[in-house]
Amino acid sequence: EKWALRYDINKINDFLIKIGINYKIKESELRKCLESEKTQELILKERIKAQKEYNITSTPTIYINDKKYEDKHEFESFKRQIDKLL
């Protein structure tokens, strides 16, 4: 839970804005929404809930088909895991 509280909300908002812009949502509308106290509280609650539900203790934490990925965080390792599922 502590890591979720420490993460810079501005970095999170910038990331969400980039996603929204890719879906043709106006940046000004996204910023207005994300800067609202209610939205920030909802996002934080969801992050804390996910952290507890998936036992996330560090970032990045990766799940593939609801199973925690424990191998190296390198392309070839990811590819091997995903290829096994195809």
N, C-alpha and C. Protein backbone atom coordinates (compact mmCIF):
# COMPACT_ATOMS: atom_id res chain seq x y z
N GLU A 1 0.82 -1.19 0.00
CA GLU A 1 0.00 0.00 0.00
C GLU A 1 0.87 1.26 0.00
N LYS A 2 2.00 1.21 0.69
CA LYS A 2 2.85 2.40 0.78
C LYS A 2 3.37 2.82 -0.59
N TRP A 3 3.75 1.84 -1.46
CA TRP A 3 4.26 2.23 -2.77
C TRP A 3 3.20 2.95 -3.57
N ALA A 4 1.95 2.56 -3.41
CA ALA A 4 0.86 3.19 -4.17
C ALA A 4 0.70 4.64 -3.77
N LEU A 5 0.95 4.95 -2.53
CA LEU A 5 0.79 6.32 -2.06
C LEU A 5 1.97 7.20 -2.45
N ARG A 6 3.15 6.60 -2.62
CA ARG A 6 4.35 7.37 -2.93
C ARG A 6 4.46 7.73 -4.40
N TYR A 7 3.84 6.97 -5.28
CA TYR A 7 4.02 7.21 -6.71
C TYR A 7 3.48 8.58 -7.08
N ASP A 8 4.23 9.30 -7.89
CA ASP A 8 3.91 10.67 -8.28
C ASP A 8 2.62 10.71 -9.12
N ILE A 9 1.59 11.35 -8.59
CA ILE A 9 0.29 11.42 -9.28
C ILE A 9 0.41 12.12 -10.63
N ASN A 10 1.35 13.05 -10.76
CA ASN A 10 1.53 13.73 -12.04
C ASN A 10 2.01 12.78 -13.13
N LYS A 11 2.88 11.85 -12.77
CA LYS A 11 3.36 10.85 -13.74
C LYS A 11 2.21 9.95 -14.18
N ILE A 12 1.38 9.58 -13.23
CA ILE A 12 0.22 8.74 -13.54
C ILE A 12 -0.72 9.50 -14.47
N ASN A 13 -1.02 10.74 -14.13
CA ASN A 13 -1.92 11.55 -14.96
C ASN A 13 -1.36 11.74 -16.36
N ASP A 14 -0.07 12.00 -16.48
CA ASP A 14 0.54 12.16 -17.80
C ASP A 14 0.39 10.90 -18.63
N PHE A 15 0.57 9.76 -17.99
CA PHE A 15 0.42 8.48 -18.69
C PHE A 15 -1.02 8.28 -19.14
N LEU A 16 -1.98 8.56 -18.26
CA LEU A 16 -3.39 8.41 -18.62
C LEU A 16 -3.79 9.38 -19.73
N ILE A 17 -3.23 10.57 -19.72
CA ILE A 17 -3.52 11.55 -20.77
C ILE A 17 -3.01 11.06 -22.11
N LYS A 18 -1.82 10.48 -22.14
CA LYS A 18 -1.29 9.93 -23.39
C LYS A 18 -2.21 8.84 -23.94
N ILE A 19 -2.72 8.01 -23.07
CA ILE A 19 -3.65 6.96 -23.51
C ILE A 19 -4.92 7.60 -24.06
N GLY A 20 -5.48 8.56 -23.35
CA GLY A 20 -6.70 9.23 -23.79
C GLY A 20 -6.54 9.92 -25.12
N ILE A 21 -5.42 10.60 -25.32
CA ILE A 21 -5.16 11.29 -26.58
C ILE A 21 -5.14 10.29 -27.74
N ASN A 22 -4.60 9.11 -27.50
CA ASN A 22 -4.60 8.06 -28.53
C ASN A 22 -6.01 7.67 -28.93
N TYR A 23 -6.96 7.88 -28.04
CA TYR A 23 -8.37 7.56 -28.32
C TYR A 23 -9.17 8.82 -28.66
N LYS A 24 -8.46 9.87 -29.05
CA LYS A 24 -9.06 11.10 -29.57
C LYS A 24 -9.86 11.88 -28.52
N ILE A 25 -9.45 11.79 -27.26
CA ILE A 25 -10.08 12.58 -26.21
C ILE A 25 -9.22 13.84 -26.04
N LYS A 26 -9.87 14.98 -25.92
CA LYS A 26 -9.14 16.25 -25.80
C LYS A 26 -8.32 16.28 -24.51
N GLU A 27 -7.09 16.74 -24.65
CA GLU A 27 -6.21 16.83 -23.48
C GLU A 27 -6.80 17.71 -22.39
N SER A 28 -7.42 18.82 -22.78
CA SER A 28 -7.99 19.73 -21.77
C SER A 28 -9.10 19.04 -20.97
N GLU A 29 -9.91 18.22 -21.63
CA GLU A 29 -10.97 17.49 -20.92
C GLU A 29 -10.38 16.44 -19.98
N LEU A 30 -9.33 15.77 -20.46
CA LEU A 30 -8.68 14.77 -19.62
C LEU A 30 -8.06 15.40 -18.38
N ARG A 31 -7.36 16.51 -18.57
CA ARG A 31 -6.72 17.18 -17.42
C ARG A 31 -7.76 17.64 -16.40
N LYS A 32 -8.87 18.20 -16.89
CA LYS A 32 -9.93 18.66 -15.99
C LYS A 32 -10.45 17.49 -15.15
N CYS A 33 -10.68 16.37 -15.82
CA CYS A 33 -11.19 15.18 -15.13
C CYS A 33 -10.16 14.65 -14.12
N LEU A 34 -8.91 14.50 -14.57
CA LEU A 34 -7.89 13.92 -13.71
C LEU A 34 -7.50 14.82 -12.55
N GLU A 35 -7.67 16.11 -12.70
CA GLU A 35 -7.31 17.03 -11.63
C GLU A 35 -8.40 17.15 -10.57
N SER A 36 -9.55 16.57 -10.84
CA SER A 36 -10.61 16.63 -9.84
C SER A 36 -10.24 15.72 -8.67
N GLU A 37 -10.53 16.18 -7.48
CA GLU A 37 -10.21 15.43 -6.27
C GLU A 37 -10.93 14.08 -6.26
N LYS A 38 -12.16 14.07 -6.73
CA LYS A 38 -12.96 12.83 -6.75
C LYS A 38 -12.29 11.78 -7.65
N THR A 39 -11.84 12.19 -8.83
CA THR A 39 -11.20 11.26 -9.75
C THR A 39 -9.90 10.73 -9.16
N GLN A 40 -9.11 11.61 -8.57
CA GLN A 40 -7.84 11.19 -7.98
C GLN A 40 -8.06 10.17 -6.87
N GLU A 41 -9.09 10.39 -6.07
CA GLU A 41 -9.40 9.45 -4.99
C GLU A 41 -9.84 8.09 -5.55
N LEU A 42 -10.65 8.10 -6.60
CA LEU A 42 -11.08 6.85 -7.23
C LEU A 42 -9.91 6.07 -7.80
N ILE A 43 -8.99 6.77 -8.46
CA ILE A 43 -7.81 6.12 -9.03
C ILE A 43 -6.95 5.51 -7.93
N LEU A 44 -6.71 6.26 -6.88
CA LEU A 44 -5.90 5.75 -5.77
C LEU A 44 -6.55 4.52 -5.14
N LYS A 45 -7.86 4.56 -4.92
CA LYS A 45 -8.55 3.41 -4.34
C LYS A 45 -8.43 2.18 -5.22
N GLU A 46 -8.53 2.35 -6.54
CA GLU A 46 -8.39 1.22 -7.47
C GLU A 46 -6.97 0.66 -7.45
N ARG A 47 -5.98 1.53 -7.36
CA ARG A 47 -4.59 1.07 -7.30
C ARG A 47 -4.34 0.28 -6.02
N ILE A 48 -4.85 0.77 -4.91
CA ILE A 48 -4.68 0.07 -3.63
C ILE A 48 -5.40 -1.27 -3.66
N LYS A 49 -6.60 -1.29 -4.22
CA LYS A 49 -7.36 -2.54 -4.34
C LYS A 49 -6.60 -3.55 -5.19
N ALA A 50 -6.06 -3.12 -6.32
CA ALA A 50 -5.31 -4.02 -7.20
C ALA A 50 -4.04 -4.52 -6.51
N GLN A 51 -3.39 -3.63 -5.77
CA GLN A 51 -2.17 -4.01 -5.05
C GLN A 51 -2.47 -5.12 -4.05
N LYS A 52 -3.56 -5.01 -3.35
CA LYS A 52 -3.94 -6.03 -2.37
C LYS A 52 -4.39 -7.32 -3.06
N GLU A 53 -5.23 -7.18 -4.07
CA GLU A 53 -5.80 -8.35 -4.76
C GLU A 53 -4.72 -9.18 -5.45
N TYR A 54 -3.74 -8.53 -6.06
CA TYR A 54 -2.71 -9.23 -6.82
C TYR A 54 -1.38 -9.32 -6.09
N ASN A 55 -1.36 -8.92 -4.83
CA ASN A 55 -0.15 -9.00 -4.01
C ASN A 55 1.04 -8.32 -4.69
N ILE A 56 0.83 -7.11 -5.14
CA ILE A 56 1.88 -6.35 -5.81
C ILE A 56 2.74 -5.69 -4.74
N THR A 57 4.03 -6.01 -4.81
CA THR A 57 4.97 -5.45 -3.84
C THR A 57 6.03 -4.58 -4.51
N SER A 58 6.06 -4.60 -5.83
CA SER A 58 7.01 -3.76 -6.56
C SER A 58 6.47 -3.52 -7.97
N THR A 59 7.09 -2.59 -8.66
CA THR A 59 6.71 -2.33 -10.03
C THR A 59 7.94 -2.49 -10.91
N PRO A 60 7.81 -3.04 -12.10
CA PRO A 60 6.55 -3.56 -12.61
C PRO A 60 6.26 -4.95 -12.07
N THR A 61 5.01 -5.24 -11.84
CA THR A 61 4.54 -6.57 -11.52
C THR A 61 3.66 -6.98 -12.69
N ILE A 62 3.96 -8.13 -13.26
CA ILE A 62 3.30 -8.55 -14.50
C ILE A 62 2.54 -9.84 -14.26
N TYR A 63 1.32 -9.88 -14.75
CA TYR A 63 0.50 -11.09 -14.72
C TYR A 63 0.19 -11.50 -16.14
N ILE A 64 0.29 -12.80 -16.41
CA ILE A 64 -0.09 -13.35 -17.71
C ILE A 64 -1.14 -14.41 -17.41
N ASN A 65 -2.34 -14.20 -17.95
CA ASN A 65 -3.46 -15.12 -17.68
C ASN A 65 -3.66 -15.36 -16.19
N ASP A 66 -3.70 -14.30 -15.41
CA ASP A 66 -3.94 -14.34 -13.97
C ASP A 66 -2.85 -15.05 -13.17
N LYS A 67 -1.69 -15.30 -13.79
CA LYS A 67 -0.57 -15.92 -13.08
C LYS A 67 0.58 -14.92 -13.03
N LYS A 68 1.12 -14.72 -11.83
CA LYS A 68 2.20 -13.76 -11.66
C LYS A 68 3.43 -14.22 -12.43
N TYR A 69 3.97 -13.33 -13.24
CA TYR A 69 5.16 -13.61 -14.04
C TYR A 69 6.38 -13.38 -13.16
N GLU A 70 7.21 -14.41 -12.99
CA GLU A 70 8.34 -14.33 -12.07
C GLU A 70 9.69 -14.40 -12.78
N ASP A 71 9.71 -14.49 -14.09
CA ASP A 71 10.96 -14.63 -14.85
C ASP A 71 11.60 -13.27 -15.08
N LYS A 72 12.67 -13.24 -15.84
CA LYS A 72 13.38 -11.99 -16.16
C LYS A 72 12.48 -11.03 -16.91
N HIS A 73 12.69 -9.75 -16.69
CA HIS A 73 11.93 -8.72 -17.39
C HIS A 73 12.68 -8.31 -18.65
N GLU A 74 12.81 -9.26 -19.54
CA GLU A 74 13.47 -9.06 -20.83
C GLU A 74 12.55 -9.59 -21.92
N PHE A 75 12.69 -9.03 -23.11
CA PHE A 75 11.80 -9.39 -24.21
C PHE A 75 11.77 -10.90 -24.45
N GLU A 76 12.94 -11.53 -24.54
CA GLU A 76 12.98 -12.97 -24.86
C GLU A 76 12.27 -13.81 -23.79
N SER A 77 12.41 -13.42 -22.54
CA SER A 77 11.73 -14.15 -21.47
C SER A 77 10.21 -13.99 -21.57
N PHE A 78 9.75 -12.76 -21.83
CA PHE A 78 8.31 -12.53 -22.03
C PHE A 78 7.81 -13.35 -23.21
N LYS A 79 8.57 -13.29 -24.29
CA LYS A 79 8.17 -13.99 -25.52
C LYS A 79 8.02 -15.50 -25.27
N ARG A 80 8.99 -16.09 -24.58
CA ARG A 80 8.90 -17.53 -24.26
C ARG A 80 7.63 -17.85 -23.49
N GLN A 81 7.33 -17.05 -22.48
CA GLN A 81 6.13 -17.30 -21.67
C GLN A 81 4.86 -17.19 -22.51
N ILE A 82 4.79 -16.17 -23.33
CA ILE A 82 3.60 -15.94 -24.14
C ILE A 82 3.49 -17.00 -25.24
N ASP A 83 4.62 -17.37 -25.85
CA ASP A 83 4.60 -18.40 -26.90
C ASP A 83 4.09 -19.73 -26.37
N LYS A 84 4.38 -20.03 -25.11
CA LYS A 84 3.89 -21.28 -24.50
C LYS A 84 2.36 -21.31 -24.47
N LEU A 85 1.76 -20.14 -24.40
CA LEU A 85 0.30 -20.05 -24.29
C LEU A 85 -0.41 -20.03 -25.64
N LEU A 86 0.34 -19.83 -26.69
CA LEU A 86 -0.27 -19.74 -28.03
C LEU A 86 -0.48 -21.10 -28.65
